[in-house]
Amino acid sequence: MPKLVIGVIVTMIKIHLSRILGEKRLTQADLSRKTGIRPNTISEMYNELVERINLDYLDLICETLDCKVEDILEYIPNKNKKIK
């Protein structure tokens, strides 16, 4: 889940599942049926509400959508570094 820092949401990992499903003309329900992943779990990933991603699920999603992990996940450097 994105962190709230002084009124600003800071997200360091972007999940592009919504964009990829749109490009492939698939619904969340379609992906759930094809992968066996619970619809609620797909929805949380789609809406970027997850704090952790099950690697087995990520593998199933990549296989089903014929894409790479880096197509789904993007690292965005945090402007306010946690490590000094």
PDB file of N, CA and C in Angstrom:
ATOM      1  N   MET A   1       0.853  -1.176   0.000  1.00  0.00           N
ATOM      2  CA  MET A   1       0.000   0.000   0.000  1.00  0.00           C
ATOM      3  C   MET A   1       0.894   1.233   0.000  1.00  0.00           C
ATOM      4  N   PRO A   2       0.542   2.246  -0.783  1.00  0.00           N
ATOM      5  CA  PRO A   2       1.344   3.465  -0.791  1.00  0.00           C
ATOM      6  C   PRO A   2       1.417   4.075   0.600  1.00  0.00           C
ATOM      7  N   LYS A   3       2.559   4.657   0.928  1.00  0.00           N
ATOM      8  CA  LYS A   3       2.768   5.287   2.227  1.00  0.00           C
ATOM      9  C   LYS A   3       2.374   6.755   2.150  1.00  0.00           C
ATOM     10  N   LEU A   4       1.774   7.258   3.240  1.00  0.00           N
ATOM     11  CA  LEU A   4       1.397   8.661   3.318  1.00  0.00           C
ATOM     12  C   LEU A   4       2.477   9.396   4.091  1.00  0.00           C
ATOM     13  N   VAL A   5       3.156  10.336   3.443  1.00  0.00           N
ATOM     14  CA  VAL A   5       4.214  11.094   4.084  1.00  0.00           C
ATOM     15  C   VAL A   5       3.862  12.571   3.999  1.00  0.00           C
ATOM     16  N   ILE A   6       3.501  13.171   5.124  1.00  0.00           N
ATOM     17  CA  ILE A   6       3.135  14.583   5.204  1.00  0.00           C
ATOM     18  C   ILE A   6       2.194  14.986   4.067  1.00  0.00           C
ATOM     19  N   GLY A   7       1.102  14.257   3.934  1.00  0.00           N
ATOM     20  CA  GLY A   7       0.085  14.592   2.958  1.00  0.00           C
ATOM     21  C   GLY A   7       0.407  14.207   1.522  1.00  0.00           C
ATOM     22  N   VAL A   8       1.559  13.559   1.282  1.00  0.00           N
ATOM     23  CA  VAL A   8       1.945  13.162  -0.065  1.00  0.00           C
ATOM     24  C   VAL A   8       2.092  11.644  -0.101  1.00  0.00           C
ATOM     25  N   ILE A   9       1.489  11.017  -1.088  1.00  0.00           N
ATOM     26  CA  ILE A   9       1.619   9.568  -1.227  1.00  0.00           C
ATOM     27  C   ILE A   9       2.903   9.259  -1.977  1.00  0.00           C
ATOM     28  N   VAL A  10       3.736   8.426  -1.358  1.00  0.00           N
ATOM     29  CA  VAL A  10       5.008   8.037  -1.956  1.00  0.00           C
ATOM     30  C   VAL A  10       4.927   6.557  -2.315  1.00  0.00           C
ATOM     31  N   THR A  11       4.968   6.252  -3.599  1.00  0.00           N
ATOM     32  CA  THR A  11       4.936   4.871  -4.064  1.00  0.00           C
ATOM     33  C   THR A  11       6.264   4.566  -4.714  1.00  0.00           C
ATOM     34  N   MET A  12       6.903   3.474  -4.290  1.00  0.00           N
ATOM     35  CA  MET A  12       8.200   3.153  -4.862  1.00  0.00           C
ATOM     36  C   MET A  12       8.123   2.015  -5.864  1.00  0.00           C
ATOM     37  N   ILE A  13       7.063   1.220  -5.812  1.00  0.00           N
ATOM     38  CA  ILE A  13       6.858   0.145  -6.781  1.00  0.00           C
ATOM     39  C   ILE A  13       5.510   0.380  -7.456  1.00  0.00           C
ATOM     40  N   LYS A  14       5.524   0.501  -8.757  1.00  0.00           N
ATOM     41  CA  LYS A  14       4.297   0.723  -9.532  1.00  0.00           C
ATOM     42  C   LYS A  14       3.868  -0.609 -10.128  1.00  0.00           C
ATOM     43  N   ILE A  15       2.589  -0.940 -10.027  1.00  0.00           N
ATOM     44  CA  ILE A  15       2.048  -2.171 -10.596  1.00  0.00           C
ATOM     45  C   ILE A  15       1.241  -1.793 -11.836  1.00  0.00           C
ATOM     46  N   HIS A  16       1.642  -2.316 -12.982  1.00  0.00           N
ATOM     47  CA  HIS A  16       1.016  -1.959 -14.260  1.00  0.00           C
ATOM     48  C   HIS A  16      -0.018  -2.987 -14.729  1.00  0.00           C
ATOM     49  N   LEU A  17      -0.602  -3.730 -13.798  1.00  0.00           N
ATOM     50  CA  LEU A  17      -1.558  -4.763 -14.175  1.00  0.00           C
ATOM     51  C   LEU A  17      -2.776  -4.176 -14.882  1.00  0.00           C
ATOM     52  N   SER A  18      -3.269  -3.040 -14.419  1.00  0.00           N
ATOM     53  CA  SER A  18      -4.459  -2.442 -15.047  1.00  0.00           C
ATOM     54  C   SER A  18      -4.184  -2.073 -16.503  1.00  0.00           C
ATOM     55  N   ARG A  19      -3.028  -1.502 -16.769  1.00  0.00           N
ATOM     56  CA  ARG A  19      -2.665  -1.123 -18.139  1.00  0.00           C
ATOM     57  C   ARG A  19      -2.530  -2.355 -19.039  1.00  0.00           C
ATOM     58  N   ILE A  20      -1.865  -3.378 -18.527  1.00  0.00           N
ATOM     59  CA  ILE A  20      -1.644  -4.586 -19.333  1.00  0.00           C
ATOM     60  C   ILE A  20      -2.965  -5.287 -19.633  1.00  0.00           C
ATOM     61  N   LEU A  21      -3.830  -5.386 -18.637  1.00  0.00           N
ATOM     62  CA  LEU A  21      -5.133  -6.020 -18.884  1.00  0.00           C
ATOM     63  C   LEU A  21      -5.914  -5.219 -19.926  1.00  0.00           C
ATOM     64  N   GLY A  22      -5.866  -3.902 -19.831  1.00  0.00           N
ATOM     65  CA  GLY A  22      -6.554  -3.055 -20.809  1.00  0.00           C
ATOM     66  C   GLY A  22      -6.025  -3.267 -22.216  1.00  0.00           C
ATOM     67  N   GLU A  23      -4.696  -3.325 -22.342  1.00  0.00           N
ATOM     68  CA  GLU A  23      -4.078  -3.536 -23.653  1.00  0.00           C
ATOM     69  C   GLU A  23      -4.468  -4.883 -24.255  1.00  0.00           C
ATOM     70  N   LYS A  24      -4.643  -5.880 -23.400  1.00  0.00           N
ATOM     71  CA  LYS A  24      -4.979  -7.222 -23.873  1.00  0.00           C
ATOM     72  C   LYS A  24      -6.486  -7.473 -23.883  1.00  0.00           C
ATOM     73  N   ARG A  25      -7.244  -6.438 -23.547  1.00  0.00           N
ATOM     74  CA  ARG A  25      -8.710  -6.522 -23.534  1.00  0.00           C
ATOM     75  C   ARG A  25      -9.211  -7.655 -22.636  1.00  0.00           C
ATOM     76  N   LEU A  26      -8.595  -7.762 -21.460  1.00  0.00           N
ATOM     77  CA  LEU A  26      -9.001  -8.766 -20.476  1.00  0.00           C
ATOM     78  C   LEU A  26      -9.520  -8.067 -19.231  1.00  0.00           C
ATOM     79  N   THR A  27     -10.446  -8.710 -18.545  1.00  0.00           N
ATOM     80  CA  THR A  27     -10.959  -8.179 -17.292  1.00  0.00           C
ATOM     81  C   THR A  27     -10.231  -8.838 -16.127  1.00  0.00           C
ATOM     82  N   GLN A  28     -10.420  -8.271 -14.963  1.00  0.00           N
ATOM     83  CA  GLN A  28      -9.879  -8.884 -13.754  1.00  0.00           C
ATOM     84  C   GLN A  28     -10.466 -10.285 -13.576  1.00  0.00           C
ATOM     85  N   ALA A  29     -11.745 -10.436 -13.875  1.00  0.00           N
ATOM     86  CA  ALA A  29     -12.413 -11.741 -13.758  1.00  0.00           C
ATOM     87  C   ALA A  29     -11.797 -12.755 -14.723  1.00  0.00           C
ATOM     88  N   ASP A  30     -11.463 -12.312 -15.942  1.00  0.00           N
ATOM     89  CA  ASP A  30     -10.811 -13.193 -16.919  1.00  0.00           C
ATOM     90  C   ASP A  30      -9.483 -13.700 -16.355  1.00  0.00           C
ATOM     91  N   LEU A  31      -8.701 -12.775 -15.812  1.00  0.00           N
ATOM     92  CA  LEU A  31      -7.393 -13.142 -15.266  1.00  0.00           C
ATOM     93  C   LEU A  31      -7.539 -14.087 -14.078  1.00  0.00           C
ATOM     94  N   SER A  32      -8.515 -13.831 -13.252  1.00  0.00           N
ATOM     95  CA  SER A  32      -8.769 -14.703 -12.108  1.00  0.00           C
ATOM     96  C   SER A  32      -9.112 -16.119 -12.560  1.00  0.00           C
ATOM     97  N   ARG A  33      -9.990 -16.230 -13.545  1.00  0.00           N
ATOM     98  CA  ARG A  33     -10.387 -17.547 -14.064  1.00  0.00           C
ATOM     99  C   ARG A  33      -9.199 -18.285 -14.697  1.00  0.00           C
ATOM    100  N   LYS A  34      -8.392 -17.564 -15.463  1.00  0.00           N
ATOM    101  CA  LYS A  34      -7.281 -18.199 -16.169  1.00  0.00           C
ATOM    102  C   LYS A  34      -6.142 -18.614 -15.239  1.00  0.00           C
ATOM    103  N   THR A  35      -5.973 -17.896 -14.121  1.00  0.00           N
ATOM    104  CA  THR A  35      -4.848 -18.173 -13.221  1.00  0.00           C
ATOM    105  C   THR A  35      -5.251 -18.965 -11.983  1.00  0.00           C
ATOM    106  N   GLY A  36      -6.536 -18.896 -11.623  1.00  0.00           N
ATOM    107  CA  GLY A  36      -6.973 -19.525 -10.381  1.00  0.00           C
ATOM    108  C   GLY A  36      -6.708 -18.659  -9.155  1.00  0.00           C
ATOM    109  N   ILE A  37      -6.257 -17.431  -9.383  1.00  0.00           N
ATOM    110  CA  ILE A  37      -6.014 -16.489  -8.282  1.00  0.00           C
ATOM    111  C   ILE A  37      -7.344 -15.851  -7.892  1.00  0.00           C
ATOM    112  N   ARG A  38      -7.574 -15.731  -6.581  1.00  0.00           N
ATOM    113  CA  ARG A  38      -8.842 -15.166  -6.098  1.00  0.00           C
ATOM    114  C   ARG A  38      -9.101 -13.778  -6.700  1.00  0.00           C
ATOM    115  N   PRO A  39     -10.353 -13.502  -7.077  1.00  0.00           N
ATOM    116  CA  PRO A  39     -10.689 -12.189  -7.660  1.00  0.00           C
ATOM    117  C   PRO A  39     -10.278 -11.023  -6.762  1.00  0.00           C
ATOM    118  N   ASN A  40     -10.421 -11.186  -5.441  1.00  0.00           N
ATOM    119  CA  ASN A  40     -10.060 -10.110  -4.516  1.00  0.00           C
ATOM    120  C   ASN A  40      -8.559  -9.812  -4.580  1.00  0.00           C
ATOM    121  N   THR A  41      -7.753 -10.850  -4.725  1.00  0.00           N
ATOM    122  CA  THR A  41      -6.307 -10.676  -4.828  1.00  0.00           C
ATOM    123  C   THR A  41      -5.943  -9.956  -6.125  1.00  0.00           C
ATOM    124  N   ILE A  42      -6.577 -10.346  -7.223  1.00  0.00           N
ATOM    125  CA  ILE A  42      -6.360  -9.666  -8.513  1.00  0.00           C
ATOM    126  C   ILE A  42      -6.759  -8.200  -8.397  1.00  0.00           C
ATOM    127  N   SER A  43      -7.889  -7.934  -7.768  1.00  0.00           N
ATOM    128  CA  SER A  43      -8.377  -6.568  -7.599  1.00  0.00           C
ATOM    129  C   SER A  43      -7.394  -5.712  -6.798  1.00  0.00           C
ATOM    130  N   GLU A  44      -6.842  -6.279  -5.737  1.00  0.00           N
ATOM    131  CA  GLU A  44      -5.878  -5.533  -4.919  1.00  0.00           C
ATOM    132  C   GLU A  44      -4.620  -5.209  -5.720  1.00  0.00           C
ATOM    133  N   MET A  45      -4.179  -6.141  -6.543  1.00  0.00           N
ATOM    134  CA  MET A  45      -3.015  -5.866  -7.387  1.00  0.00           C
ATOM    135  C   MET A  45      -3.363  -4.832  -8.464  1.00  0.00           C
ATOM    136  N   TYR A  46      -4.514  -4.997  -9.083  1.00  0.00           N
ATOM    137  CA  TYR A  46      -4.990  -4.102 -10.144  1.00  0.00           C
ATOM    138  C   TYR A  46      -5.055  -2.655  -9.638  1.00  0.00           C
ATOM    139  N   ASN A  47      -5.536  -2.499  -8.410  1.00  0.00           N
ATOM    140  CA  ASN A  47      -5.707  -1.170  -7.812  1.00  0.00           C
ATOM    141  C   ASN A  47      -4.503  -0.724  -6.986  1.00  0.00           C
ATOM    142  N   GLU A  48      -3.419  -1.489  -7.052  1.00  0.00           N
ATOM    143  CA  GLU A  48      -2.170  -1.175  -6.356  1.00  0.00           C
ATOM    144  C   GLU A  48      -2.360  -1.007  -4.854  1.00  0.00           C
ATOM    145  N   LEU A  49      -3.124  -1.898  -4.260  1.00  0.00           N
ATOM    146  CA  LEU A  49      -3.385  -1.845  -2.825  1.00  0.00           C
ATOM    147  C   LEU A  49      -2.595  -2.897  -2.046  1.00  0.00           C
ATOM    148  N   VAL A  50      -1.812  -3.709  -2.735  1.00  0.00           N
ATOM    149  CA  VAL A  50      -1.080  -4.786  -2.072  1.00  0.00           C
ATOM    150  C   VAL A  50       0.228  -4.281  -1.471  1.00  0.00           C
ATOM    151  N   GLU A  51       0.617  -4.886  -0.355  1.00  0.00           N
ATOM    152  CA  GLU A  51       1.909  -4.580   0.260  1.00  0.00           C
ATOM    153  C   GLU A  51       2.939  -5.638  -0.113  1.00  0.00           C
ATOM    154  N   ARG A  52       2.456  -6.842  -0.428  1.00  0.00           N
ATOM    155  CA  ARG A  52       3.322  -7.958  -0.814  1.00  0.00           C
ATOM    156  C   ARG A  52       2.702  -8.670  -2.008  1.00  0.00           C
ATOM    157  N   ILE A  53       3.571  -9.249  -2.848  1.00  0.00           N
ATOM    158  CA  ILE A  53       3.076 -10.009  -3.991  1.00  0.00           C
ATOM    159  C   ILE A  53       3.637 -11.417  -3.908  1.00  0.00           C
ATOM    160  N   ASN A  54       2.760 -12.388  -3.968  1.00  0.00           N
ATOM    161  CA  ASN A  54       3.141 -13.791  -3.967  1.00  0.00           C
ATOM    162  C   ASN A  54       3.857 -14.089  -5.281  1.00  0.00           C
ATOM    163  N   LEU A  55       5.074 -14.630  -5.193  1.00  0.00           N
ATOM    164  CA  LEU A  55       5.859 -14.882  -6.400  1.00  0.00           C
ATOM    165  C   LEU A  55       5.227 -15.934  -7.303  1.00  0.00           C
ATOM    166  N   ASP A  56       4.538 -16.901  -6.702  1.00  0.00           N
ATOM    167  CA  ASP A  56       3.825 -17.893  -7.522  1.00  0.00           C
ATOM    168  C   ASP A  56       2.717 -17.221  -8.328  1.00  0.00           C
ATOM    169  N   TYR A  57       2.015 -16.257  -7.713  1.00  0.00           N
ATOM    170  CA  TYR A  57       0.966 -15.522  -8.422  1.00  0.00           C
ATOM    171  C   TYR A  57       1.572 -14.692  -9.546  1.00  0.00           C
ATOM    172  N   LEU A  58       2.693 -14.042  -9.254  1.00  0.00           N
ATOM    173  CA  LEU A  58       3.352 -13.227 -10.267  1.00  0.00           C
ATOM    174  C   LEU A  58       3.771 -14.098 -11.452  1.00  0.00           C
ATOM    175  N   ASP A  59       4.270 -15.292 -11.169  1.00  0.00           N
ATOM    176  CA  ASP A  59       4.644 -16.235 -12.218  1.00  0.00           C
ATOM    177  C   ASP A  59       3.429 -16.630 -13.055  1.00  0.00           C
ATOM    178  N   LEU A  60       2.310 -16.943 -12.395  1.00  0.00           N
ATOM    179  CA  LEU A  60       1.077 -17.309 -13.107  1.00  0.00           C
ATOM    180  C   LEU A  60       0.575 -16.166 -13.985  1.00  0.00           C
ATOM    181  N   ILE A  61       0.632 -14.963 -13.455  1.00  0.00           N
ATOM    182  CA  ILE A  61       0.160 -13.800 -14.204  1.00  0.00           C
ATOM    183  C   ILE A  61       1.047 -13.564 -15.432  1.00  0.00           C
ATOM    184  N   CYS A  62       2.369 -13.641 -15.248  1.00  0.00           N
ATOM    185  CA  CYS A  62       3.284 -13.457 -16.383  1.00  0.00           C
ATOM    186  C   CYS A  62       3.056 -14.517 -17.447  1.00  0.00           C
ATOM    187  N   GLU A  63       2.880 -15.754 -17.018  1.00  0.00           N
ATOM    188  CA  GLU A  63       2.645 -16.840 -17.966  1.00  0.00           C
ATOM    189  C   GLU A  63       1.337 -16.629 -18.720  1.00  0.00           C
ATOM    190  N   THR A  64       0.294 -16.265 -17.999  1.00  0.00           N
ATOM    191  CA  THR A  64      -1.025 -16.072 -18.592  1.00  0.00           C
ATOM    192  C   THR A  64      -1.054 -14.888 -19.556  1.00  0.00           C
ATOM    193  N   LEU A  65      -0.394 -13.801 -19.169  1.00  0.00           N
ATOM    194  CA  LEU A  65      -0.420 -12.585 -19.990  1.00  0.00           C
ATOM    195  C   LEU A  65       0.734 -12.538 -20.996  1.00  0.00           C
ATOM    196  N   ASP A  66       1.582 -13.572 -20.993  1.00  0.00           N
ATOM    197  CA  ASP A  66       2.732 -13.646 -21.881  1.00  0.00           C
ATOM    198  C   ASP A  66       3.573 -12.370 -21.785  1.00  0.00           C
ATOM    199  N   CYS A  67       3.986 -12.073 -20.549  1.00  0.00           N
ATOM    200  CA  CYS A  67       4.787 -10.883 -20.316  1.00  0.00           C
ATOM    201  C   CYS A  67       5.886 -11.194 -19.308  1.00  0.00           C
ATOM    202  N   LYS A  68       6.742 -10.215 -19.064  1.00  0.00           N
ATOM    203  CA  LYS A  68       7.838 -10.352 -18.114  1.00  0.00           C
ATOM    204  C   LYS A  68       7.477  -9.635 -16.819  1.00  0.00           C
ATOM    205  N   VAL A  69       8.175  -9.993 -15.744  1.00  0.00           N
ATOM    206  CA  VAL A  69       7.952  -9.342 -14.447  1.00  0.00           C
ATOM    207  C   VAL A  69       8.114  -7.835 -14.583  1.00  0.00           C
ATOM    208  N   GLU A  70       9.137  -7.410 -15.321  1.00  0.00           N
ATOM    209  CA  GLU A  70       9.382  -5.975 -15.454  1.00  0.00           C
ATOM    210  C   GLU A  70       8.305  -5.254 -16.261  1.00  0.00           C
ATOM    211  N   ASP A  71       7.456  -5.989 -16.968  1.00  0.00           N
ATOM    212  CA  ASP A  71       6.306  -5.377 -17.629  1.00  0.00           C
ATOM    213  C   ASP A  71       5.220  -5.034 -16.601  1.00  0.00           C
ATOM    214  N   ILE A  72       5.176  -5.804 -15.528  1.00  0.00           N
ATOM    215  CA  ILE A  72       4.145  -5.627 -14.508  1.00  0.00           C
ATOM    216  C   ILE A  72       4.602  -4.697 -13.382  1.00  0.00           C
ATOM    217  N   LEU A  73       5.844  -4.863 -12.955  1.00  0.00           N
ATOM    218  CA  LEU A  73       6.358  -4.080 -11.831  1.00  0.00           C
ATOM    219  C   LEU A  73       7.402  -3.079 -12.301  1.00  0.00           C
ATOM    220  N   GLU A  74       7.338  -1.873 -11.753  1.00  0.00           N
ATOM    221  CA  GLU A  74       8.318  -0.834 -12.070  1.00  0.00           C
ATOM    222  C   GLU A  74       8.811  -0.220 -10.771  1.00  0.00           C
ATOM    223  N   TYR A  75      10.121  -0.133 -10.617  1.00  0.00           N
ATOM    224  CA  TYR A  75      10.721   0.519  -9.458  1.00  0.00           C
ATOM    225  C   TYR A  75      10.875   2.001  -9.740  1.00  0.00           C
ATOM    226  N   ILE A  76      10.339   2.825  -8.852  1.00  0.00           N
ATOM    227  CA  ILE A  76      10.466   4.275  -8.975  1.00  0.00           C
ATOM    228  C   ILE A  76      11.254   4.750  -7.759  1.00  0.00           C
ATOM    229  N   PRO A  77      12.461   5.270  -7.978  1.00  0.00           N
ATOM    230  CA  PRO A  77      13.286   5.707  -6.842  1.00  0.00           C
ATOM    231  C   PRO A  77      12.561   6.718  -5.970  1.00  0.00           C
ATOM    232  N   ASN A  78      12.729   6.549  -4.670  1.00  0.00           N
ATOM    233  CA  ASN A  78      12.119   7.439  -3.687  1.00  0.00           C
ATOM    234  C   ASN A  78      12.985   8.704  -3.572  1.00  0.00           C
ATOM    235  N   LYS A  79      12.369   9.858  -3.705  1.00  0.00           N
ATOM    236  CA  LYS A  79      13.100  11.114  -3.601  1.00  0.00           C
ATOM    237  C   LYS A  79      13.613  11.349  -2.186  1.00  0.00           C
ATOM    238  N   ASN A  80      12.849  10.836  -1.208  1.00  0.00           N
ATOM    239  CA  ASN A  80      13.239  10.942   0.190  1.00  0.00           C
ATOM    240  C   ASN A  80      13.849   9.610   0.621  1.00  0.00           C
ATOM    241  N   LYS A  81      15.133   9.438   0.384  1.00  0.00           N
ATOM    242  CA  LYS A  81      15.810   8.178   0.644  1.00  0.00           C
ATOM    243  C   LYS A  81      15.675   7.774   2.104  1.00  0.00           C
ATOM    244  N   LYS A  82      15.418   6.469   2.329  1.00  0.00           N
ATOM    245  CA  LYS A  82      15.324   5.930   3.678  1.00  0.00           C
ATOM    246  C   LYS A  82      16.703   5.566   4.203  1.00  0.00           C
ATOM    247  N   ILE A  83      17.609   5.205   3.299  1.00  0.00           N
ATOM    248  CA  ILE A  83      18.959   4.791   3.672  1.00  0.00           C
ATOM    249  C   ILE A  83      19.914   5.930   3.376  1.00  0.00           C
ATOM    250  N   LYS A  84      20.765   6.191   4.340  1.00  0.00           N
ATOM    251  CA  LYS A  84      21.721   7.309   4.169  1.00  0.00           C
ATOM    252  C   LYS A  84      23.080   6.811   3.789  1.00  0.00           C
TER     253      LYS A  84
END
